[in-house]
C-alpha atoms as a PDB file:
ATOM      1  CA  MET A   1      20.336 -18.295  -8.316  1.00  0.00           C
ATOM      2  CA  PHE A   2      16.856 -19.167 -10.151  1.00  0.00           C
ATOM      3  CA  ALA A   3      13.229 -18.202  -9.279  1.00  0.00           C
ATOM      4  CA  ARG A   4      10.521 -20.365  -7.128  1.00  0.00           C
ATOM      5  CA  MET A   5      11.323 -23.980  -6.928  1.00  0.00           C
ATOM      6  CA  LYS A   6      14.389 -23.878  -8.916  1.00  0.00           C
ATOM      7  CA  THR A   7      17.920 -25.562  -7.676  1.00  0.00           C
ATOM      8  CA  VAL A   8      21.354 -23.841  -7.806  1.00  0.00           C
ATOM      9  CA  ARG A   9      24.807 -24.999  -6.711  1.00  0.00           C
ATOM     10  CA  PRO A  10      26.711 -22.309  -5.344  1.00  0.00           C
ATOM     11  CA  SER A  11      30.231 -22.647  -3.851  1.00  0.00           C
ATOM     12  CA  GLY A  12      30.407 -26.266  -5.480  1.00  0.00           C
ATOM     13  CA  ARG A  13      27.777 -27.548  -2.756  1.00  0.00           C
ATOM     14  CA  ALA A  14      24.184 -28.549  -3.777  1.00  0.00           C
ATOM     15  CA  ALA A  15      21.829 -26.141  -2.435  1.00  0.00           C
ATOM     16  CA  ALA A  16      17.939 -25.835  -3.060  1.00  0.00           C
ATOM     17  CA  VAL A  17      17.308 -22.190  -2.890  1.00  0.00           C
ATOM     18  CA  ILE A  18      13.448 -21.217  -2.917  1.00  0.00           C
ATOM     19  CA  PHE A  19      11.979 -17.835  -3.289  1.00  0.00           C
ATOM     20  CA  ALA A  20       8.816 -16.266  -3.034  1.00  0.00           C
ATOM     21  CA  ALA A  21       7.112 -12.459  -2.926  1.00  0.00           C
ATOM     22  CA  THR A  22       4.202 -11.110  -1.609  1.00  0.00           C
ATOM     23  CA  LEU A  23       2.958  -7.504  -1.898  1.00  0.00           C
ATOM     24  CA  LEU A  24       1.154  -6.718   1.362  1.00  0.00           C
ATOM     25  CA  SER A  25       8.771 -15.388  18.541  1.00  0.00           C
ATOM     26  CA  VAL A  26      12.432 -15.682  18.810  1.00  0.00           C
ATOM     27  CA  GLY A  27      13.588 -19.438  18.887  1.00  0.00           C
ATOM     28  CA  SER A  28      16.614 -21.201  20.507  1.00  0.00           C
ATOM     29  CA  GLY A  29      19.814 -21.698  18.909  1.00  0.00           C
ATOM     30  CA  TYR A  30      20.748 -19.078  16.203  1.00  0.00           C
ATOM     31  CA  SER A  31      23.953 -19.223  14.130  1.00  0.00           C
ATOM     32  CA  GLN A  32      23.549 -15.653  13.314  1.00  0.00           C
ATOM     33  CA  GLU A  33      24.526 -13.299  15.999  1.00  0.00           C
ATOM     34  CA  ASN A  34      23.053  -9.632  16.245  1.00  0.00           C
ATOM     35  CA  GLY A  35      26.451  -7.991  15.155  1.00  0.00           C
ATOM     36  CA  ASP A  36      26.749  -9.803  12.109  1.00  0.00           C
ATOM     37  CA  LEU A  37      23.274  -9.235  11.274  1.00  0.00           C
ATOM     38  CA  SER A  38      23.771  -5.596  11.190  1.00  0.00           C
ATOM     39  CA  SER A  39      26.499  -6.123   8.670  1.00  0.00           C
ATOM     40  CA  LEU A  40      24.405  -8.300   6.563  1.00  0.00           C
ATOM     41  CA  ARG A  41      21.591  -5.648   6.445  1.00  0.00           C
ATOM     42  CA  GLU A  42      23.741  -3.153   5.356  1.00  0.00           C
ATOM     43  CA  ARG A  43      25.006  -5.036   2.546  1.00  0.00           C
ATOM     44  CA  ALA A  44      21.365  -5.934   1.891  1.00  0.00           C
ATOM     45  CA  LEU A  45      20.514  -2.531   1.629  1.00  0.00           C
ATOM     46  CA  GLU A  46      23.195  -1.506  -0.420  1.00  0.00           C
ATOM     47  CA  LEU A  47      22.333  -3.873  -3.115  1.00  0.00           C
ATOM     48  CA  VAL A  48      18.946  -3.000  -3.306  1.00  0.00           C
ATOM     49  CA  ASN A  49      19.409   0.654  -3.272  1.00  0.00           C
ATOM     50  CA  GLU A  50      22.282   0.133  -5.976  1.00  0.00           C
ATOM     51  CA  THR A  51      19.560  -1.452  -8.158  1.00  0.00           C
ATOM     52  CA  ARG A  52      16.857   1.113  -7.551  1.00  0.00           C
ATOM     53  CA  GLN A  53      19.152   3.706  -8.278  1.00  0.00           C
ATOM     54  CA  GLU A  54      19.936   2.123 -11.623  1.00  0.00           C
ATOM     55  CA  GLN A  55      16.271   2.613 -12.637  1.00  0.00           C
ATOM     56  CA  GLY A  56      16.206   6.141 -11.190  1.00  0.00           C
ATOM     57  CA  LEU A  57      13.933   5.059  -7.860  1.00  0.00           C
ATOM     58  CA  GLU A  58      14.391   6.467  -4.613  1.00  0.00           C
ATOM     59  CA  ALA A  59      17.012   5.098  -2.596  1.00  0.00           C
ATOM     60  CA  LEU A  60      15.664   3.085   0.527  1.00  0.00           C
ATOM     61  CA  ASP A  61      16.250   3.413   4.531  1.00  0.00           C
ATOM     62  CA  LEU A  62      16.295   0.774   7.047  1.00  0.00           C
ATOM     63  CA  THR A  63      13.570   1.085   9.369  1.00  0.00           C
ATOM     64  CA  PRO A  64      13.226  -0.603  12.958  1.00  0.00           C
ATOM     65  CA  PRO A  65       9.341  -2.042  11.955  1.00  0.00           C
ATOM     66  CA  LEU A  66      10.427  -3.447   8.816  1.00  0.00           C
ATOM     67  CA  ASN A  67      13.824  -4.800  10.189  1.00  0.00           C
ATOM     68  CA  GLU A  68      12.054  -6.522  13.131  1.00  0.00           C
ATOM     69  CA  ALA A  69       9.313  -7.985  10.795  1.00  0.00           C
ATOM     70  CA  ALA A  70      11.599  -9.454   8.731  1.00  0.00           C
ATOM     71  CA  ILE A  71      13.663 -11.042  11.068  1.00  0.00           C
ATOM     72  CA  ALA A  72      10.949 -12.504  13.319  1.00  0.00           C
ATOM     73  CA  HIS A  73       9.502 -14.041  10.357  1.00  0.00           C
ATOM     74  CA  ALA A  74      12.754 -15.611   9.065  1.00  0.00           C
ATOM     75  CA  ARG A  75      13.486 -17.205  12.768  1.00  0.00           C
ATOM     76  CA  ASP A  76       9.798 -18.438  12.638  1.00  0.00           C
ATOM     77  CA  MET A  77      10.189 -20.177   9.682  1.00  0.00           C
ATOM     78  CA  LEU A  78      13.324 -21.618  10.835  1.00  0.00           C
ATOM     79  CA  ASP A  79      12.023 -22.410  14.150  1.00  0.00           C
ATOM     80  CA  ARG A  80       8.610 -24.385  13.045  1.00  0.00           C
ATOM     81  CA  ASP A  81      10.093 -25.583   9.622  1.00  0.00           C
ATOM     82  CA  TYR A  82       7.348 -23.827   7.413  1.00  0.00           C
ATOM     83  CA  TYR A  83       8.154 -21.557   4.372  1.00  0.00           C
ATOM     84  CA  SER A  84       5.461 -19.060   3.460  1.00  0.00           C
ATOM     85  CA  HIS A  85       4.590 -15.543   3.559  1.00  0.00           C
ATOM     86  CA  VAL A  86       1.917 -16.402   5.922  1.00  0.00           C
ATOM     87  CA  SER A  87       2.274 -18.132   9.282  1.00  0.00           C
ATOM     88  CA  PRO A  88       0.619 -21.157  10.379  1.00  0.00           C
ATOM     89  CA  GLU A  89      -1.651 -18.951  12.639  1.00  0.00           C
ATOM     90  CA  GLY A  90      -2.598 -16.688   9.702  1.00  0.00           C
ATOM     91  CA  GLU A  91      -0.178 -14.008  10.257  1.00  0.00           C
ATOM     92  CA  THR A  92       0.772 -11.888   7.269  1.00  0.00           C
ATOM     93  CA  VAL A  93       3.244  -9.200   6.508  1.00  0.00           C
ATOM     94  CA  ARG A  94       1.318  -6.505   7.175  1.00  0.00           C
ATOM     95  CA  ASP A  95       0.185  -8.372  10.412  1.00  0.00           C
ATOM     96  CA  ARG A  96       4.001  -8.313  11.132  1.00  0.00           C
ATOM     97  CA  PHE A  97       4.498  -4.843  10.174  1.00  0.00           C
ATOM     98  CA  MET A  98       1.937  -3.352  12.615  1.00  0.00           C
ATOM     99  CA  GLU A  99       2.794  -5.759  15.309  1.00  0.00           C
ATOM    100  CA  HIS A 100       5.980  -3.571  15.148  1.00  0.00           C
ATOM    101  CA  ASP A 101       4.564  -0.310  14.999  1.00  0.00           C
ATOM    102  CA  GLY A 102       4.262   0.114  11.479  1.00  0.00           C
ATOM    103  CA  SER A 103       1.706   2.469   9.715  1.00  0.00           C
ATOM    104  CA  ARG A 104      -1.241   0.801   8.966  1.00  0.00           C
ATOM    105  CA  TRP A 105      -1.793   3.263   5.712  1.00  0.00           C
ATOM    106  CA  LYS A 106       1.559   2.338   4.180  1.00  0.00           C
ATOM    107  CA  LEU A 107       2.040  -0.326   1.020  1.00  0.00           C
ATOM    108  CA  VAL A 108       3.904  -3.014   2.444  1.00  0.00           C
ATOM    109  CA  ALA A 109       5.651  -5.830   0.623  1.00  0.00           C
ATOM    110  CA  GLU A 110       8.036  -8.945   1.468  1.00  0.00           C
ATOM    111  CA  ASN A 111      10.296 -11.184  -0.197  1.00  0.00           C
ATOM    112  CA  ILE A 112      11.416 -14.423   1.045  1.00  0.00           C
ATOM    113  CA  ALA A 113      13.960 -17.055   0.393  1.00  0.00           C
ATOM    114  CA  ARG A 114      15.102 -20.477   1.609  1.00  0.00           C
ATOM    115  CA  CYS A 115      18.198 -22.494   0.954  1.00  0.00           C
ATOM    116  CA  SER A 116      18.911 -25.892   1.728  1.00  0.00           C
ATOM    117  CA  GLY A 117      22.348 -27.362   1.974  1.00  0.00           C
ATOM    118  CA  CYS A 118      23.512 -23.804   2.826  1.00  0.00           C
ATOM    119  CA  MET A 119      25.764 -23.877   6.008  1.00  0.00           C
ATOM    120  CA  ALA A 120      25.079 -21.539   8.350  1.00  0.00           C
ATOM    121  CA  PRO A 121      25.876 -18.847   9.561  1.00  0.00           C
ATOM    122  CA  ALA A 122      25.180 -16.908   6.504  1.00  0.00           C
ATOM    123  CA  ASP A 123      27.837 -14.396   5.232  1.00  0.00           C
ATOM    124  CA  LEU A 124      27.797 -11.693   2.653  1.00  0.00           C
ATOM    125  CA  GLU A 125      28.587 -13.772  -0.576  1.00  0.00           C
ATOM    126  CA  ARG A 126      25.119 -15.596   0.641  1.00  0.00           C
ATOM    127  CA  VAL A 127      23.317 -12.301   0.927  1.00  0.00           C
ATOM    128  CA  GLU A 128      24.466 -11.476  -2.345  1.00  0.00           C
ATOM    129  CA  GLN A 129      23.607 -14.651  -3.868  1.00  0.00           C
ATOM    130  CA  PHE A 130      19.842 -14.387  -2.529  1.00  0.00           C
ATOM    131  CA  GLN A 131      19.496 -10.715  -4.023  1.00  0.00           C
ATOM    132  CA  GLU A 132      20.986 -12.153  -7.449  1.00  0.00           C
ATOM    133  CA  GLY A 133      17.933 -15.014  -7.179  1.00  0.00           C
ATOM    134  CA  TRP A 134      15.225 -12.307  -5.992  1.00  0.00           C
ATOM    135  CA  MET A 135      16.199  -9.941  -9.152  1.00  0.00           C
ATOM    136  CA  ASN A 136      16.170 -12.923 -11.460  1.00  0.00           C
ATOM    137  CA  SER A 137      12.450 -13.428 -10.443  1.00  0.00           C
ATOM    138  CA  PRO A 138       9.997 -11.031 -12.065  1.00  0.00           C
ATOM    139  CA  GLY A 139       7.631 -10.976  -8.833  1.00  0.00           C
ATOM    140  CA  HIS A 140      10.756 -10.369  -6.316  1.00  0.00           C
ATOM    141  CA  ARG A 141      12.081  -7.865  -8.811  1.00  0.00           C
ATOM    142  CA  GLU A 142       8.898  -5.866  -9.048  1.00  0.00           C
ATOM    143  CA  ASN A 143       8.726  -5.757  -5.467  1.00  0.00           C
ATOM    144  CA  ILE A 144      12.314  -4.308  -5.269  1.00  0.00           C
ATOM    145  CA  LEU A 145      11.607  -1.887  -8.005  1.00  0.00           C
ATOM    146  CA  THR A 146       8.341  -0.584  -6.572  1.00  0.00           C
ATOM    147  CA  GLU A 147       7.496   2.999  -7.016  1.00  0.00           C
ATOM    148  CA  GLY A 148       6.645   4.895  -3.660  1.00  0.00           C
ATOM    149  CA  LEU A 149       8.812   2.887  -1.429  1.00  0.00           C
ATOM    150  CA  ASP A 150      11.062   4.496   1.484  1.00  0.00           C
ATOM    151  CA  GLY A 151      11.654   1.628   4.222  1.00  0.00           C
ATOM    152  CA  PHE A 152      13.589  -1.521   3.744  1.00  0.00           C
ATOM    153  CA  GLY A 153      14.130  -4.403   6.278  1.00  0.00           C
ATOM    154  CA  PHE A 154      16.006  -7.425   6.183  1.00  0.00           C
ATOM    155  CA  GLY A 155      16.543 -10.502   8.625  1.00  0.00           C
ATOM    156  CA  ILE A 156      18.226 -13.788   8.105  1.00  0.00           C
ATOM    157  CA  ALA A 157      18.394 -17.058  10.073  1.00  0.00           C
ATOM    158  CA  GLY A 158      20.248 -20.230   9.884  1.00  0.00           C
ATOM    159  CA  GLU A 159      21.140 -23.168  11.668  1.00  0.00           C
ATOM    160  CA  GLY A 160      22.652 -26.083  10.223  1.00  0.00           C
ATOM    161  CA  ASP A 161      22.608 -26.300   6.649  1.00  0.00           C
ATOM    162  CA  GLN A 162      19.183 -24.325   6.430  1.00  0.00           C
ATOM    163  CA  ILE A 163      18.918 -20.329   5.966  1.00  0.00           C
ATOM    164  CA  TYR A 164      15.917 -18.341   5.682  1.00  0.00           C
ATOM    165  CA  ALA A 165      16.296 -14.830   4.315  1.00  0.00           C
ATOM    166  CA  VAL A 166      13.481 -12.131   4.232  1.00  0.00           C
ATOM    167  CA  GLN A 167      13.318  -8.652   2.614  1.00  0.00           C
ATOM    168  CA  THR A 168      10.303  -6.245   3.600  1.00  0.00           C
ATOM    169  CA  PHE A 169       9.598  -2.758   1.921  1.00  0.00           C
ATOM    170  CA  SER A 170       6.822  -0.015   3.115  1.00  0.00           C
ATOM    171  CA  GLY A 171       6.211   3.044   1.843  1.00  0.00           C
ATOM    172  CA  ALA A 172       3.361   5.657   0.721  1.00  0.00           C
ATOM    173  CA  GLY A 173       2.855   3.983  -2.919  1.00  0.00           C
ATOM    174  CA  SER A 174       1.348   5.203  -5.572  1.00  0.00           C
ATOM    175  CA  SER A 175      -1.983   6.388  -6.978  1.00  0.00           C
ATOM    176  CA  ARG A 176      -4.525   3.864  -7.994  1.00  0.00           C
ATOM    177  CA  GLY A 177      -5.424   3.726 -11.597  1.00  0.00           C
ATOM    178  CA  THR A 178      -2.676   5.825 -12.813  1.00  0.00           C
ATOM    179  CA  GLY A 179      -2.457   4.995 -17.012  1.00  0.00           C
ATOM    180  CA  PRO A 180       0.828   3.559 -18.378  1.00  0.00           C
ATOM    181  CA  ASP A 181       1.164   6.904 -20.333  1.00  0.00           C
ATOM    182  CA  GLU A 182      -0.109   8.961 -17.686  1.00  0.00           C
ATOM    183  CA  GLU A 183       2.062  11.036 -14.972  1.00  0.00           C
ATOM    184  CA  ALA A 184       1.175  11.434 -11.488  1.00  0.00           C
ATOM    185  CA  VAL A 185       0.574  14.901 -10.991  1.00  0.00           C
ATOM    186  CA  GLU A 186      -1.289  17.054  -8.263  1.00  0.00           C
ATOM    187  CA  ILE A 187      -4.464  18.694  -9.262  1.00  0.00           C
ATOM    188  CA  PRO A 188      -5.953  21.667  -7.673  1.00  0.00           C
ATOM    189  CA  ASP A 189      -9.471  20.894  -5.963  1.00  0.00           C
ATOM    190  CA  GLY A 190     -11.581  22.695  -8.344  1.00  0.00           C
ATOM    191  CA  GLU A 191     -10.074  20.211 -11.170  1.00  0.00           C
ATOM    192  CA  GLN A 192     -10.722  17.234  -8.775  1.00  0.00           C
ATOM    193  CA  VAL A 193     -14.424  18.254  -8.624  1.00  0.00           C
ATOM    194  CA  SER A 194     -14.839  18.761 -12.315  1.00  0.00           C
ATOM    195  CA  ILE A 195     -13.343  15.035 -12.892  1.00  0.00           C
ATOM    196  CA  ALA A 196     -15.888  13.355 -10.225  1.00  0.00           C
ATOM    197  CA  VAL A 197     -18.598  15.130 -11.885  1.00  0.00           C
ATOM    198  CA  ALA A 198     -17.716  14.328 -15.196  1.00  0.00           C
ATOM    199  CA  ALA A 199     -17.314  10.474 -14.344  1.00  0.00           C
ATOM    200  CA  ILE A 200     -20.709  10.476 -12.228  1.00  0.00           C
ATOM    201  CA  ASN A 201     -22.437  11.999 -15.391  1.00  0.00           C
ATOM    202  CA  ARG A 202     -21.041   9.341 -17.589  1.00  0.00           C
ATOM    203  CA  ALA A 203     -22.386   6.753 -15.490  1.00  0.00           C
ATOM    204  CA  ARG A 204     -25.707   8.621 -15.146  1.00  0.00           C
ATOM    205  CA  LYS A 205     -26.328   8.976 -18.716  1.00  0.00           C
ATOM    206  CA  ARG A 206     -25.514   5.291 -19.167  1.00  0.00           C
ATOM    207  CA  ALA A 207     -28.553   4.990 -16.808  1.00  0.00           C
ATOM    208  CA  GLU A 208     -30.698   7.047 -18.551  1.00  0.00           C
ATOM    209  CA  VAL A 209     -30.955   9.683 -15.716  1.00  0.00           C
ATOM    210  CA  ASP A 210     -30.263  13.530 -15.781  1.00  0.00           C
ATOM    211  CA  GLU A 211     -27.197  14.934 -15.235  1.00  0.00           C
ATOM    212  CA  VAL A 212     -25.919  16.578 -12.111  1.00  0.00           C
ATOM    213  CA  SER A 213     -24.069  19.680 -11.766  1.00  0.00           C
ATOM    214  CA  SER A 214     -21.185  20.792  -9.193  1.00  0.00           C
ATOM    215  CA  SER A 215     -21.769  22.696  -6.213  1.00  0.00           C
ATOM    216  CA  ALA A 216     -19.588  24.993  -4.275  1.00  0.00           C
ATOM    217  CA  ALA A 217     -21.955  24.505  -1.129  1.00  0.00           C
ATOM    218  CA  LEU A 218     -21.885  20.741  -1.237  1.00  0.00           C
ATOM    219  CA  ASP A 219     -17.922  20.936  -1.752  1.00  0.00           C
ATOM    220  CA  ALA A 220     -17.543  22.727   1.382  1.00  0.00           C
ATOM    221  CA  VAL A 221     -19.858  20.342   3.375  1.00  0.00           C
ATOM    222  CA  ALA A 222     -17.453  17.404   1.772  1.00  0.00           C
ATOM    223  CA  GLY A 223     -14.488  19.395   2.802  1.00  0.00           C
ATOM    224  CA  GLU A 224     -15.717  19.388   6.558  1.00  0.00           C
ATOM    225  CA  LEU A 225     -16.433  16.106   6.782  1.00  0.00           C
ATOM    226  CA  LEU A 226     -12.881  14.910   5.886  1.00  0.00           C
ATOM    227  CA  VAL A 227     -10.687  13.269   8.903  1.00  0.00           C
ATOM    228  CA  ARG A 228      -7.402  14.725   8.196  1.00  0.00           C
ATOM    229  CA  ASP A 229      -5.290  13.676  10.730  1.00  0.00           C
ATOM    230  CA  GLY A 230      -4.511  10.053   9.761  1.00  0.00           C
ATOM    231  CA  GLY A 231      -5.184   8.293  12.673  1.00  0.00           C
ATOM    232  CA  GLY A 232      -7.527   5.399  13.392  1.00  0.00           C
ATOM    233  CA  GLU A 233     -10.036   3.917  11.298  1.00  0.00           C
ATOM    234  CA  ARG A 234     -12.457   6.732  10.819  1.00  0.00           C
ATOM    235  CA  LEU A 235     -12.747   8.511   7.157  1.00  0.00           C
ATOM    236  CA  VAL A 236     -15.497  10.614   7.991  1.00  0.00           C
ATOM    237  CA  ARG A 237     -15.919  12.895  10.706  1.00  0.00           C
ATOM    238  CA  GLU A 238     -18.887  12.068  13.061  1.00  0.00           C
ATOM    239  CA  THR A 239     -21.958  14.870  12.562  1.00  0.00           C
ATOM    240  CA  ASN A 240     -25.556  14.489  13.560  1.00  0.00           C
ATOM    241  CA  ASP A 241     -26.347  17.416  11.403  1.00  0.00           C
ATOM    242  CA  LEU A 242     -25.207  17.471   8.053  1.00  0.00           C
ATOM    243  CA  PHE A 243     -27.573  20.654   7.016  1.00  0.00           C
ATOM    244  CA  GLY A 244     -25.475  22.675   9.889  1.00  0.00           C
ATOM    245  CA  LEU A 245     -22.196  22.158   7.450  1.00  0.00           C
ATOM    246  CA  LEU A 246     -23.596  24.095   4.786  1.00  0.00           C
ATOM    247  CA  PRO A 247     -22.548  27.720   4.433  1.00  0.00           C
ATOM    248  CA  GLU A 248     -25.351  30.102   5.920  1.00  0.00           C
ATOM    249  CA  ASP A 249     -26.357  31.656   2.729  1.00  0.00           C
ATOM    250  CA  SER A 250     -27.232  27.994   1.141  1.00  0.00           C
ATOM    251  CA  SER A 251     -28.671  26.020   4.343  1.00  0.00           C
ATOM    252  CA  GLY A 252     -32.369  26.538   3.031  1.00  0.00           C
ATOM    253  CA  ASP A 253     -31.630  25.598  -0.471  1.00  0.00           C
ATOM    254  CA  TRP A 254     -31.669  21.924  -0.048  1.00  0.00           C
ATOM    255  CA  ARG A 255     -34.251  18.966   0.476  1.00  0.00           C
ATOM    256  CA  SER A 256     -31.825  15.970   0.955  1.00  0.00           C
ATOM    257  CA  LEU A 257     -28.263  15.302   1.573  1.00  0.00           C
ATOM    258  CA  ARG A 258     -26.305  12.065   1.547  1.00  0.00           C
ATOM    259  CA  ILE A 259     -22.896  11.195   1.600  1.00  0.00           C
ATOM    260  CA  VAL A 260     -20.616   8.292   0.370  1.00  0.00           C
ATOM    261  CA  ALA A 261     -16.974   7.784   1.277  1.00  0.00           C
ATOM    262  CA  ALA A 262     -14.025   5.521   0.763  1.00  0.00           C
ATOM    263  CA  GLY A 263     -10.365   5.327   1.772  1.00  0.00           C
ATOM    264  CA  CYS A 264      -7.301   3.928   0.250  1.00  0.00           C
ATOM    265  CA  GLY A 265      -3.816   2.973   1.927  1.00  0.00           C
ATOM    266  CA  GLY A 266      -0.266   2.639  -0.064  1.00  0.00           C
ATOM    267  CA  CYS A 267      -1.849   5.132  -2.596  1.00  0.00           C
ATOM    268  CA  GLY A 268       0.643   7.778  -2.605  1.00  0.00           C
ATOM    269  CA  THR A 269       1.200  11.270  -1.546  1.00  0.00           C
ATOM    270  CA  LEU A 270      -0.102  13.279  -4.466  1.00  0.00           C
ATOM    271  CA  GLU A 271      -4.031  13.943  -5.074  1.00  0.00           C
ATOM    272  CA  THR A 272      -4.375  13.200  -8.598  1.00  0.00           C
ATOM    273  CA  ALA A 273      -6.591  12.488 -11.472  1.00  0.00           C
ATOM    274  CA  ALA A 274      -6.452   8.646 -11.136  1.00  0.00           C
ATOM    275  CA  ASP A 275      -7.469   8.919  -7.892  1.00  0.00           C
ATOM    276  CA  VAL A 276     -10.385  10.828  -8.414  1.00  0.00           C
ATOM    277  CA  ARG A 277     -11.428   8.120 -11.222  1.00  0.00           C
ATOM    278  CA  SER A 278     -10.439   5.133  -8.921  1.00  0.00           C
ATOM    279  CA  PHE A 279     -12.487   6.309  -6.096  1.00  0.00           C
ATOM    280  CA  VAL A 280     -15.654   7.024  -8.089  1.00  0.00           C
ATOM    281  CA  GLN A 281     -15.190   3.661  -9.705  1.00  0.00           C
ATOM    282  CA  GLN A 282     -15.443   2.366  -6.351  1.00  0.00           C
ATOM    283  CA  TRP A 283     -18.214   3.910  -5.286  1.00  0.00           C
ATOM    284  CA  LEU A 284     -20.039   2.858  -8.553  1.00  0.00           C
ATOM    285  CA  ASP A 285     -18.887  -0.962  -8.159  1.00  0.00           C
ATOM    286  CA  ASN A 286     -20.894  -0.632  -4.662  1.00  0.00           C
ATOM    287  CA  PRO A 287     -24.609  -0.892  -5.272  1.00  0.00           C
ATOM    288  CA  GLN A 288     -25.513   0.884  -2.215  1.00  0.00           C
ATOM    289  CA  TYR A 289     -23.247   3.792  -3.237  1.00  0.00           C
ATOM    290  CA  GLU A 290     -24.042   3.565  -6.733  1.00  0.00           C
ATOM    291  CA  GLN A 291     -27.840   3.936  -5.966  1.00  0.00           C
ATOM    292  CA  THR A 292     -26.958   7.109  -4.235  1.00  0.00           C
ATOM    293  CA  LEU A 293     -24.974   8.641  -6.971  1.00  0.00           C
ATOM    294  CA  LEU A 294     -27.471   7.754  -9.275  1.00  0.00           C
ATOM    295  CA  ALA A 295     -30.579   8.592  -7.918  1.00  0.00           C
ATOM    296  CA  GLN A 296     -33.212  10.508 -10.040  1.00  0.00           C
ATOM    297  CA  THR A 297     -33.422  13.018  -7.334  1.00  0.00           C
ATOM    298  CA  THR A 298     -30.064  13.902  -6.857  1.00  0.00           C
ATOM    299  CA  ASP A 299     -29.251  17.056  -8.862  1.00  0.00           C
ATOM    300  CA  ALA A 300     -26.135  18.416  -7.586  1.00  0.00           C
ATOM    301  CA  LEU A 301     -22.510  16.900  -6.182  1.00  0.00           C
ATOM    302  CA  GLY A 302     -19.773  18.117  -4.135  1.00  0.00           C
ATOM    303  CA  PHE A 303     -16.326  16.291  -3.621  1.00  0.00           C
ATOM    304  CA  ALA A 304     -13.304  16.611  -1.447  1.00  0.00           C
ATOM    305  CA  MET A 305     -10.159  14.388  -1.278  1.00  0.00           C
ATOM    306  CA  TYR A 306      -7.393  14.197   1.115  1.00  0.00           C
ATOM    307  CA  ALA A 307      -3.865  12.947   0.804  1.00  0.00           C
ATOM    308  CA  GLY A 308      -1.933  12.367   4.176  1.00  0.00           C
ATOM    309  CA  GLY A 309       1.316  11.813   3.056  1.00  0.00           C
ATOM    310  CA  ASP A 310       1.666   8.286   4.414  1.00  0.00           C
ATOM    311  CA  GLY A 311      -0.082   6.607   1.882  1.00  0.00           C
ATOM    312  CA  ARG A 312      -3.594   7.545   3.217  1.00  0.00           C
ATOM    313  CA  LYS A 313      -6.124   8.899   0.934  1.00  0.00           C
ATOM    314  CA  VAL A 314      -9.786   9.732   1.626  1.00  0.00           C
ATOM    315  CA  ALA A 315     -12.715  10.913  -0.550  1.00  0.00           C
ATOM    316  CA  ILE A 316     -15.971  11.931   0.057  1.00  0.00           C
ATOM    317  CA  ALA A 317     -18.874  12.919  -2.505  1.00  0.00           C
ATOM    318  CA  VAL A 318     -22.146  14.601  -1.126  1.00  0.00           C
ATOM    319  CA  ALA A 319     -25.282  14.070  -3.035  1.00  0.00           C
ATOM    320  CA  GLY A 320     -27.582  16.879  -2.673  1.00  0.00           C
ATOM    321  CA  SER A 321     -31.148  17.351  -4.033  1.00  0.00           C
ATOM    322  CA  HIS A 322     -32.828  21.074  -3.960  1.00  0.00           C
ATOM    323  CA  ARG A 323     -35.737  22.197  -2.897  1.00  0.00           C
END
């Protein structure tokens, strides 16, 4: 099979097969029954895992949210005669995943395929042909071989001579900004602070303002502010008294405290140097946060980061000015 917008001729019968990939209602008469769908899913999973294991990647498991998202989209495309990762109402693969109780913090990816001239119902051979076509397309292959995945879903729906197939993937992902020759290695809190301060000081030097120093007291404040439960949208713990989070022996040392925070989903499970650099750059790219970090009055910095294990990461910097 070929990649996007190509024509193939399997089994001596003309069939136009189109593929598409993206990284992010039950209709009337379906030729595919649930019992068949279960066996087709198992074969789809087997093919994907064979390919991943050949590349030294972790095997995936079928999960209900991904299976439901995949079959819902395959059936919807068949019912309403469209072919896209985005429904006519604007629903994306992430929307479908979350609609079926998927985690908002996970990396989500999707491969879709359509075969015109392929008689339903689909069989194991058709699943194998779809997999071959996806693997021969760089974008689809990349989704199948993405690091940091652990879940897989598959849906296939056909009627007459039209068959739609959907692969869905999810996982914690991997750290942002990791260099091509850089290994993602967990680093201790103290090293995280040093990397953050060094990166901010490079930016302050370019802005021709004095360097900041690290502060254990501000590190403690940043750590207290982290929301670690992983639920909901909140990144920073609510407080009306930042100074009240300071260690008692340093509460009188500070004239002002300001915080910047950022969150990331699908960003892996380890707290790495690449994560710290990525968060700092994200702040420096935001004019409001950049102003806080590069302010002439800021002379000390605290930093804390948390990885939730499901792809969620949160980082907080506390910019302080001594009395």
